Amino acid sequence: MTPLPPTTIDLDFVQIEIYEHYALLTIQEGIVFDLPKLASLFEVFDRYYPDRPFGYISDRKFDFSVNPTCYLEVSNHPRLRSIAILCHTEASYNTAQFEKAFYKRPFGVFYSIEECESWTLKNVKESSR
């Protein structure tokens, strides 16, 4: 069976592609990602993953800032099992490695979407057992 194409949601600061087991997010250039923006993401997550675990992949193709307290809050989401960061530069890789200390669940940092997807699916499936 061929998987369905993702549902795409555009908010003023992010494009979200909803897949069966994960959400792929691309935050826009120059955004300061803070708790109100996280609350908007939680609304989307709760609508599309109301009763099943899922992962979150962040495509870091644009530069933006993340308030580190967001990771402490997102660690409390009951169904979010992992965060994977897709890096395109060494600088974004180093930033993601720093951010990793603030998240209390599996947090992977990668240079390819295939690695992100594979790692995320593994974490979601393991947490479903």
N, C-alpha and C. Protein backbone atom coordinates (compact mmCIF):
# COMPACT_ATOMS: atom_id res chain seq x y z
N MET A 1 0.84 -1.17 0.00
CA MET A 1 0.00 0.00 0.00
C MET A 1 0.89 1.24 0.00
N THR A 2 0.62 2.19 -0.88
CA THR A 2 1.37 3.43 -0.95
C THR A 2 0.91 4.38 0.14
N PRO A 3 1.87 4.98 0.89
CA PRO A 3 1.45 5.91 1.94
C PRO A 3 0.78 7.15 1.33
N LEU A 4 -0.14 7.70 2.08
CA LEU A 4 -0.81 8.92 1.64
C LEU A 4 0.17 10.09 1.67
N PRO A 5 -0.02 11.08 0.79
CA PRO A 5 0.84 12.26 0.87
C PRO A 5 0.56 12.98 2.19
N PRO A 6 1.53 13.74 2.68
CA PRO A 6 1.33 14.41 3.96
C PRO A 6 0.28 15.52 3.86
N THR A 7 -0.32 15.81 4.99
CA THR A 7 -1.16 16.99 5.12
C THR A 7 -0.23 18.14 5.44
N THR A 8 -0.35 19.26 4.72
CA THR A 8 0.51 20.41 4.95
C THR A 8 -0.29 21.52 5.62
N ILE A 9 0.29 22.06 6.68
CA ILE A 9 -0.33 23.15 7.43
C ILE A 9 0.65 24.32 7.44
N ASP A 10 0.17 25.49 7.05
CA ASP A 10 1.00 26.69 7.08
C ASP A 10 0.50 27.63 8.17
N LEU A 11 1.33 27.87 9.17
CA LEU A 11 1.06 28.89 10.17
C LEU A 11 1.96 30.08 9.83
N ASP A 12 1.81 31.18 10.52
CA ASP A 12 2.59 32.37 10.16
C ASP A 12 4.09 32.23 10.40
N PHE A 13 4.51 31.22 11.14
CA PHE A 13 5.93 31.06 11.46
C PHE A 13 6.51 29.71 11.05
N VAL A 14 5.68 28.79 10.57
CA VAL A 14 6.15 27.43 10.31
C VAL A 14 5.28 26.73 9.27
N GLN A 15 5.93 25.84 8.51
CA GLN A 15 5.19 24.91 7.66
C GLN A 15 5.32 23.54 8.32
N ILE A 16 4.18 22.87 8.45
CA ILE A 16 4.14 21.56 9.11
C ILE A 16 3.61 20.54 8.12
N GLU A 17 4.35 19.47 7.94
CA GLU A 17 3.88 18.34 7.14
C GLU A 17 3.55 17.21 8.11
N ILE A 18 2.30 16.78 8.09
CA ILE A 18 1.82 15.74 9.00
C ILE A 18 1.89 14.39 8.29
N TYR A 19 2.70 13.49 8.81
CA TYR A 19 2.79 12.12 8.34
C TYR A 19 2.17 11.22 9.41
N GLU A 20 2.05 9.95 9.11
CA GLU A 20 1.39 9.03 10.04
C GLU A 20 2.06 8.98 11.41
N HIS A 21 3.39 8.94 11.45
CA HIS A 21 4.10 8.76 12.71
C HIS A 21 4.95 9.94 13.14
N TYR A 22 4.98 10.99 12.33
CA TYR A 22 5.78 12.15 12.71
C TYR A 22 5.30 13.41 11.98
N ALA A 23 5.69 14.54 12.56
CA ALA A 23 5.44 15.84 11.95
C ALA A 23 6.80 16.42 11.53
N LEU A 24 6.88 16.91 10.29
CA LEU A 24 8.09 17.55 9.77
C LEU A 24 7.84 19.05 9.76
N LEU A 25 8.64 19.78 10.53
CA LEU A 25 8.44 21.22 10.67
C LEU A 25 9.59 21.99 10.04
N THR A 26 9.25 23.05 9.33
CA THR A 26 10.23 23.98 8.78
C THR A 26 9.87 25.37 9.29
N ILE A 27 10.61 25.84 10.28
CA ILE A 27 10.36 27.16 10.86
C ILE A 27 11.00 28.21 9.96
N GLN A 28 10.29 29.31 9.78
CA GLN A 28 10.71 30.35 8.85
C GLN A 28 11.97 31.10 9.34
N GLU A 29 12.66 31.69 8.41
CA GLU A 29 13.88 32.48 8.66
C GLU A 29 13.61 33.60 9.66
N GLY A 30 14.53 33.73 10.64
CA GLY A 30 14.51 34.86 11.56
C GLY A 30 13.51 34.78 12.70
N ILE A 31 12.75 33.72 12.79
CA ILE A 31 11.73 33.57 13.84
C ILE A 31 12.41 33.38 15.19
N VAL A 32 11.81 33.93 16.23
CA VAL A 32 12.18 33.61 17.60
C VAL A 32 11.11 32.65 18.10
N PHE A 33 11.47 31.38 18.22
CA PHE A 33 10.52 30.35 18.62
C PHE A 33 10.41 30.38 20.14
N ASP A 34 9.19 30.65 20.62
CA ASP A 34 8.96 30.82 22.04
C ASP A 34 7.74 30.02 22.49
N LEU A 35 7.36 30.18 23.74
CA LEU A 35 6.26 29.39 24.29
C LEU A 35 4.92 29.62 23.60
N PRO A 36 4.53 30.84 23.21
CA PRO A 36 3.28 30.98 22.46
C PRO A 36 3.28 30.22 21.13
N LYS A 37 4.41 30.21 20.44
CA LYS A 37 4.49 29.44 19.19
C LYS A 37 4.42 27.95 19.48
N LEU A 38 5.04 27.52 20.56
CA LEU A 38 4.96 26.11 20.96
C LEU A 38 3.51 25.73 21.25
N ALA A 39 2.77 26.61 21.89
CA ALA A 39 1.36 26.33 22.17
C ALA A 39 0.58 26.12 20.87
N SER A 40 0.91 26.89 19.82
CA SER A 40 0.27 26.71 18.51
C SER A 40 0.60 25.34 17.94
N LEU A 41 1.85 24.90 18.11
CA LEU A 41 2.23 23.56 17.63
C LEU A 41 1.48 22.48 18.41
N PHE A 42 1.35 22.65 19.71
CA PHE A 42 0.63 21.67 20.52
C PHE A 42 -0.81 21.51 20.02
N GLU A 43 -1.44 22.60 19.60
CA GLU A 43 -2.80 22.50 19.08
C GLU A 43 -2.84 21.62 17.83
N VAL A 44 -1.85 21.80 16.95
CA VAL A 44 -1.77 20.98 15.74
C VAL A 44 -1.49 19.53 16.12
N PHE A 45 -0.52 19.30 17.00
CA PHE A 45 -0.19 17.94 17.43
C PHE A 45 -1.41 17.25 18.02
N ASP A 46 -2.14 17.96 18.86
CA ASP A 46 -3.30 17.34 19.52
C ASP A 46 -4.42 17.04 18.53
N ARG A 47 -4.51 17.83 17.46
CA ARG A 47 -5.54 17.59 16.44
C ARG A 47 -5.18 16.37 15.59
N TYR A 48 -3.91 16.21 15.22
CA TYR A 48 -3.52 15.14 14.30
C TYR A 48 -3.01 13.88 14.98
N TYR A 49 -2.59 13.98 16.23
CA TYR A 49 -2.11 12.81 16.97
C TYR A 49 -2.83 12.74 18.32
N PRO A 50 -4.16 12.65 18.31
CA PRO A 50 -4.90 12.73 19.58
C PRO A 50 -4.74 11.52 20.49
N ASP A 51 -4.42 10.37 19.90
CA ASP A 51 -4.40 9.15 20.70
C ASP A 51 -3.28 8.21 20.33
N ARG A 52 -2.21 8.75 19.74
CA ARG A 52 -1.09 7.86 19.38
C ARG A 52 0.23 8.62 19.49
N PRO A 53 1.30 7.89 19.77
CA PRO A 53 2.61 8.53 19.87
C PRO A 53 3.09 8.99 18.50
N PHE A 54 3.95 10.01 18.50
CA PHE A 54 4.51 10.55 17.26
C PHE A 54 5.85 11.19 17.56
N GLY A 55 6.58 11.48 16.49
CA GLY A 55 7.85 12.18 16.60
C GLY A 55 7.77 13.52 15.88
N TYR A 56 8.78 14.30 16.07
CA TYR A 56 8.86 15.65 15.51
C TYR A 56 10.23 15.76 14.84
N ILE A 57 10.24 16.13 13.57
CA ILE A 57 11.50 16.38 12.85
C ILE A 57 11.52 17.86 12.52
N SER A 58 12.60 18.53 12.90
CA SER A 58 12.77 19.95 12.60
C SER A 58 13.79 20.10 11.48
N ASP A 59 13.33 20.60 10.33
CA ASP A 59 14.23 20.85 9.20
C ASP A 59 14.82 22.24 9.39
N ARG A 60 16.11 22.31 9.69
CA ARG A 60 16.79 23.57 10.00
C ARG A 60 17.38 24.22 8.75
N LYS A 61 16.60 24.29 7.67
CA LYS A 61 17.14 24.92 6.46
C LYS A 61 17.21 26.43 6.59
N PHE A 62 16.48 27.01 7.55
CA PHE A 62 16.53 28.45 7.80
C PHE A 62 17.09 28.70 9.20
N ASP A 63 17.65 29.89 9.38
CA ASP A 63 18.16 30.28 10.69
C ASP A 63 17.04 30.89 11.52
N PHE A 64 16.91 30.43 12.76
CA PHE A 64 15.94 30.98 13.70
C PHE A 64 16.46 30.69 15.09
N SER A 65 15.85 31.33 16.08
CA SER A 65 16.26 31.15 17.47
C SER A 65 15.20 30.39 18.24
N VAL A 66 15.63 29.56 19.17
CA VAL A 66 14.71 28.81 20.02
C VAL A 66 14.96 29.21 21.47
N ASN A 67 13.90 29.60 22.15
CA ASN A 67 14.00 29.84 23.58
C ASN A 67 14.18 28.46 24.23
N PRO A 68 15.30 28.21 24.91
CA PRO A 68 15.55 26.86 25.45
C PRO A 68 14.48 26.35 26.41
N THR A 69 13.73 27.25 27.04
CA THR A 69 12.68 26.78 27.94
C THR A 69 11.59 26.04 27.18
N CYS A 70 11.51 26.24 25.87
CA CYS A 70 10.53 25.49 25.07
C CYS A 70 10.80 23.99 25.16
N TYR A 71 12.08 23.61 25.21
CA TYR A 71 12.40 22.18 25.30
C TYR A 71 11.93 21.58 26.62
N LEU A 72 12.00 22.38 27.70
CA LEU A 72 11.52 21.88 28.98
C LEU A 72 10.01 21.65 28.92
N GLU A 73 9.30 22.55 28.26
CA GLU A 73 7.85 22.43 28.14
C GLU A 73 7.46 21.29 27.19
N VAL A 74 8.14 21.19 26.05
CA VAL A 74 7.78 20.16 25.07
C VAL A 74 8.08 18.76 25.62
N SER A 75 9.00 18.66 26.57
CA SER A 75 9.29 17.38 27.21
C SER A 75 8.06 16.82 27.93
N ASN A 76 7.10 17.69 28.24
CA ASN A 76 5.90 17.27 28.96
C ASN A 76 4.75 16.84 28.05
N HIS A 77 4.91 16.98 26.74
CA HIS A 77 3.81 16.58 25.86
C HIS A 77 3.64 15.06 25.96
N PRO A 78 2.42 14.59 26.26
CA PRO A 78 2.25 13.17 26.57
C PRO A 78 2.48 12.20 25.43
N ARG A 79 2.35 12.62 24.18
CA ARG A 79 2.48 11.67 23.06
C ARG A 79 3.73 11.90 22.21
N LEU A 80 4.41 13.01 22.40
CA LEU A 80 5.62 13.29 21.63
C LEU A 80 6.76 12.45 22.18
N ARG A 81 7.30 11.56 21.36
CA ARG A 81 8.30 10.60 21.82
C ARG A 81 9.74 11.00 21.54
N SER A 82 9.96 11.85 20.52
CA SER A 82 11.34 12.21 20.20
C SER A 82 11.35 13.45 19.30
N ILE A 83 12.51 14.09 19.28
CA ILE A 83 12.76 15.20 18.37
C ILE A 83 14.02 14.87 17.59
N ALA A 84 13.93 15.02 16.27
CA ALA A 84 15.10 14.87 15.40
C ALA A 84 15.33 16.21 14.71
N ILE A 85 16.58 16.61 14.62
CA ILE A 85 16.94 17.86 13.98
C ILE A 85 17.70 17.54 12.69
N LEU A 86 17.20 18.07 11.58
CA LEU A 86 17.86 17.93 10.27
C LEU A 86 18.70 19.18 10.06
N CYS A 87 20.02 19.00 10.08
CA CYS A 87 20.95 20.13 9.96
C CYS A 87 21.49 20.23 8.54
N HIS A 88 21.73 21.45 8.11
CA HIS A 88 22.29 21.71 6.79
C HIS A 88 23.67 22.35 6.87
N THR A 89 24.05 22.80 8.07
CA THR A 89 25.36 23.43 8.27
C THR A 89 25.97 22.93 9.58
N GLU A 90 27.26 23.12 9.69
CA GLU A 90 27.93 22.76 10.94
C GLU A 90 27.44 23.64 12.09
N ALA A 91 27.15 24.90 11.80
CA ALA A 91 26.64 25.81 12.85
C ALA A 91 25.30 25.33 13.39
N SER A 92 24.38 24.89 12.50
CA SER A 92 23.09 24.41 12.99
C SER A 92 23.27 23.10 13.75
N TYR A 93 24.23 22.28 13.33
CA TYR A 93 24.52 21.03 14.04
C TYR A 93 25.00 21.33 15.46
N ASN A 94 25.92 22.28 15.59
CA ASN A 94 26.45 22.63 16.91
C ASN A 94 25.37 23.23 17.81
N THR A 95 24.51 24.06 17.24
CA THR A 95 23.41 24.65 18.01
C THR A 95 22.47 23.55 18.50
N ALA A 96 22.13 22.60 17.63
CA ALA A 96 21.24 21.51 18.01
C ALA A 96 21.86 20.65 19.11
N GLN A 97 23.16 20.43 19.05
CA GLN A 97 23.84 19.66 20.10
C GLN A 97 23.71 20.37 21.45
N PHE A 98 23.79 21.70 21.45
CA PHE A 98 23.60 22.47 22.68
C PHE A 98 22.17 22.33 23.19
N GLU A 99 21.19 22.45 22.28
CA GLU A 99 19.77 22.38 22.65
C GLU A 99 19.40 21.02 23.23
N LYS A 100 20.12 19.99 22.82
CA LYS A 100 19.86 18.62 23.26
C LYS A 100 19.82 18.50 24.78
N ALA A 101 20.62 19.30 25.46
CA ALA A 101 20.70 19.23 26.93
C ALA A 101 19.39 19.63 27.61
N PHE A 102 18.53 20.36 26.90
CA PHE A 102 17.31 20.87 27.50
C PHE A 102 16.10 19.96 27.31
N TYR A 103 16.22 18.94 26.46
CA TYR A 103 15.09 18.05 26.17
C TYR A 103 15.30 16.74 26.91
N LYS A 104 14.27 16.25 27.55
CA LYS A 104 14.41 15.09 28.44
C LYS A 104 14.03 13.76 27.82
N ARG A 105 13.81 13.73 26.53
CA ARG A 105 13.50 12.49 25.81
C ARG A 105 14.51 12.32 24.68
N PRO A 106 14.38 11.28 23.86
CA PRO A 106 15.34 11.10 22.76
C PRO A 106 15.38 12.32 21.83
N PHE A 107 16.61 12.74 21.54
CA PHE A 107 16.85 13.94 20.72
C PHE A 107 18.02 13.60 19.80
N GLY A 108 17.75 13.52 18.50
CA GLY A 108 18.79 13.15 17.54
C GLY A 108 19.13 14.31 16.62
N VAL A 109 20.38 14.38 16.22
CA VAL A 109 20.85 15.45 15.34
C VAL A 109 21.50 14.78 14.13
N PHE A 110 21.02 15.12 12.93
CA PHE A 110 21.43 14.42 11.72
C PHE A 110 21.63 15.38 10.56
N TYR A 111 22.28 14.87 9.51
CA TYR A 111 22.51 15.63 8.28
C TYR A 111 21.66 15.14 7.11
N SER A 112 20.82 14.11 7.30
CA SER A 112 19.97 13.65 6.19
C SER A 112 18.56 13.38 6.69
N ILE A 113 17.60 13.63 5.82
CA ILE A 113 16.20 13.39 6.17
C ILE A 113 15.95 11.90 6.37
N GLU A 114 16.66 11.07 5.63
CA GLU A 114 16.50 9.61 5.78
C GLU A 114 16.90 9.17 7.19
N GLU A 115 18.01 9.71 7.70
CA GLU A 115 18.43 9.38 9.07
C GLU A 115 17.39 9.85 10.08
N CYS A 116 16.88 11.07 9.88
CA CYS A 116 15.86 11.60 10.79
C CYS A 116 14.63 10.72 10.80
N GLU A 117 14.15 10.37 9.62
CA GLU A 117 12.94 9.54 9.52
C GLU A 117 13.14 8.18 10.16
N SER A 118 14.23 7.52 9.84
CA SER A 118 14.51 6.18 10.37
C SER A 118 14.60 6.21 11.90
N TRP A 119 15.37 7.15 12.41
CA TRP A 119 15.56 7.27 13.86
C TRP A 119 14.23 7.60 14.55
N THR A 120 13.45 8.50 13.97
CA THR A 120 12.17 8.89 14.55
C THR A 120 11.19 7.72 14.57
N LEU A 121 11.08 7.01 13.45
CA LEU A 121 10.17 5.86 13.39
C LEU A 121 10.56 4.80 14.42
N LYS A 122 11.85 4.56 14.58
CA LYS A 122 12.33 3.59 15.57
C LYS A 122 11.90 4.01 16.97
N ASN A 123 12.06 5.28 17.31
CA ASN A 123 11.68 5.76 18.64
C ASN A 123 10.18 5.69 18.87
N VAL A 124 9.40 6.05 17.87
CA VAL A 124 7.95 6.01 18.02
C VAL A 124 7.47 4.58 18.19
N LYS A 125 7.99 3.68 17.37
CA LYS A 125 7.55 2.28 17.45
C LYS A 125 7.98 1.63 18.77
N GLU A 126 9.20 1.94 19.24
CA GLU A 126 9.65 1.37 20.52
C GLU A 126 8.79 1.88 21.68
N SER A 127 8.36 3.12 21.59
CA SER A 127 7.56 3.68 22.69
C SER A 127 6.12 3.15 22.67
N SER A 128 5.72 2.55 21.56
CA SER A 128 4.35 2.03 21.44
C SER A 128 4.21 0.64 22.04
N ARG A 129 5.32 0.03 22.37
CA ARG A 129 5.27 -1.35 22.89
C ARG A 129 4.78 -1.40 24.30
